[in-house]
């Protein structure tokens, strides 16, 4: 059967006492109480079958051989779930998982087209003949997670098939339907297969997730403990100052402030901090305590504690194609993309004090305990014994890609010559020499703010969002900075409009429009933008509409900020951002493959940074940076650069 079978489509239903959403599939399947309940499958284009494992049936040996085979293709929606759970069900040795090489994920295929992330939503958008069964959520809640013991259910902590035979039979149909829906999606998307290059990258991504990263569990536990002490101390101090029954109550605190001559509309961190700086006495003290009490310093420590597997590693932190507009990775569990930065003068000392659980010493040495704990969260990620981390990241990657793709030569020359882009930008904007900590050095900050805000068509609002006013730029200067930056970068400004016009032409005329290193094409109701790498960005059901200014605008179907499928609006600058970030993602992908081929084990990556767990005595920062900067053929002329460092725990250099 293995020799003749080409593809196995499958879906499973499982039980675990671990919360899948909060802890991830690796911890979920690592639980001693994990069980396989149902296995639905179809061979090639044949009928869907169900194996009732919870009912005493067993996987046929020939199906087990197929699952373990590296030559038979296995497909599933969110295939990582099936692969990891089946690895545990088949009792592979600890730390080993089924080879991802032969697994293809229909969810990734859908994400590459910027379709929704859930099976039900994709089925709905594609208008499948047979949709995912709506009873699924209720059935999963009934059979797949623990239940609350009550007198009426005999104080049991989980529901088994015998407790509701009718529901169980419906659950079996539901599992079979998921295989059917997954195959319908695959059939609908057969014109847009996952490329060999992307599949190779998906396999590497799965290997990185399988590898996971070691965590300092003692640091995490002590951080949570010290935060509890800090919270109790802060609440006691707040009670002493205000006499309030609940100093954490927004309503009570607002009333107390009013009675003390201060009114505040919003209790946001920004508003409270601003008011604390403007006031004095008990009001200022209380507002500063409010900031301490509101700081969520330990949420990520708690995520580590609940998600760490029996090997003391957290697995599955990276979600392949999670940002489905650009194809970039998103984060799971610890969310490594938004870890706080660290600025403490002695991280090692702070870590040691926290691990000792010494609250008084930590408060005396560093003060502001919540802030210390927040800055230490990166350091909970550590290399295994006799290894160290080598961390390397691209330098100003988006600015480099933007200059290269738009043909802004002075910027390209600045990067090639190792110049400071903020100084160079300020010099170009203000037509005077600018040196960091030197002549006209005060202008560098304005150059930096403009660089961060203006690259994709941003205006005054973008400068404000970047904190320009807080950095000392006067409001009446903002528009001038926008104008100066745009005048200094005419090729980039022209590129925004060329991108917008090319997209509109492709949509209006349902045609293909080349633009420099890009190609815009309308195919079967989708606008594609082919990047220099050959990978394509997707915009479903594009239309030309009218924007709020009365001009033409591009709209398409996508996921809105409320995570609903909706019609979204875009423009040349925003499309440029997608193009640049998508290209930066392709360069990171190339760097990950280069590093893996050279024997570097990546444990996770963040934005444009790679973190490798490297044996002592092997490898170097220089070599990893060199590997990152080996350009693919399509990136000829792009001035790449990377920098890095070694460390005994993860941190921001």
Foldseek 3Di string as FASTA:
>chain_A
DLVPFAEKEKFWAKAAQADCQQFNLLQRLLGPPIDTAKMWIDTDPGAIDIAGVLVPGDDDPVVVCNQQDLRHAYEAAPVLNVFNNVQVVVPPDPLDTRQCNRYDHLLVLCLLQQFANDLQRNCVVLVDPQGQDPCVVVLCVQAHYFDQQDVVVVGGGHDGCVVPVVSVVVVRVNRRVNSVSSVSSCVSSVVRDDDPLNSVLVSLVSVLLSNFFAFQLLLLVLLVVLLVVLLVVLQVVLCVLQVDPGLLDPVVVQVSCVVVVDHDDDLDPVRLVVVLVVDDDSSVVSSVSNNLNPQPLNPLSVLLNSHQHPVNGHGDQWDASPVSQQRFIFGGRSGVQDQDAADDPDLPVLSVCSSVSPNVVNCVPPNSSSVNSSNCSQQRTFFDPQWWKWKKFWDPQLQLLLCVQLVQVVSLVCLQVVHDQLQVLLCLLVVHHEDCVDVVNVSSVLSVLCVQQPQLPGALVSSVVSVVVVVPDDSVCRRSSNVSNCVSRVSSVVQLQVQQVQQVCCVVVQAWDDDRLWIWHRDPQWTWIQALVRRIRIFGNWDWDADPVGDTWIWGWHQDPVRDTDIDTDGSSVVSVSRSLSVLSVLLSQLSVLCVVVPWSFNDAHSRMTMTIGRPPDDDNVVSQVSSPPDDPSCPSRSIGMGIDIDRGGHDD
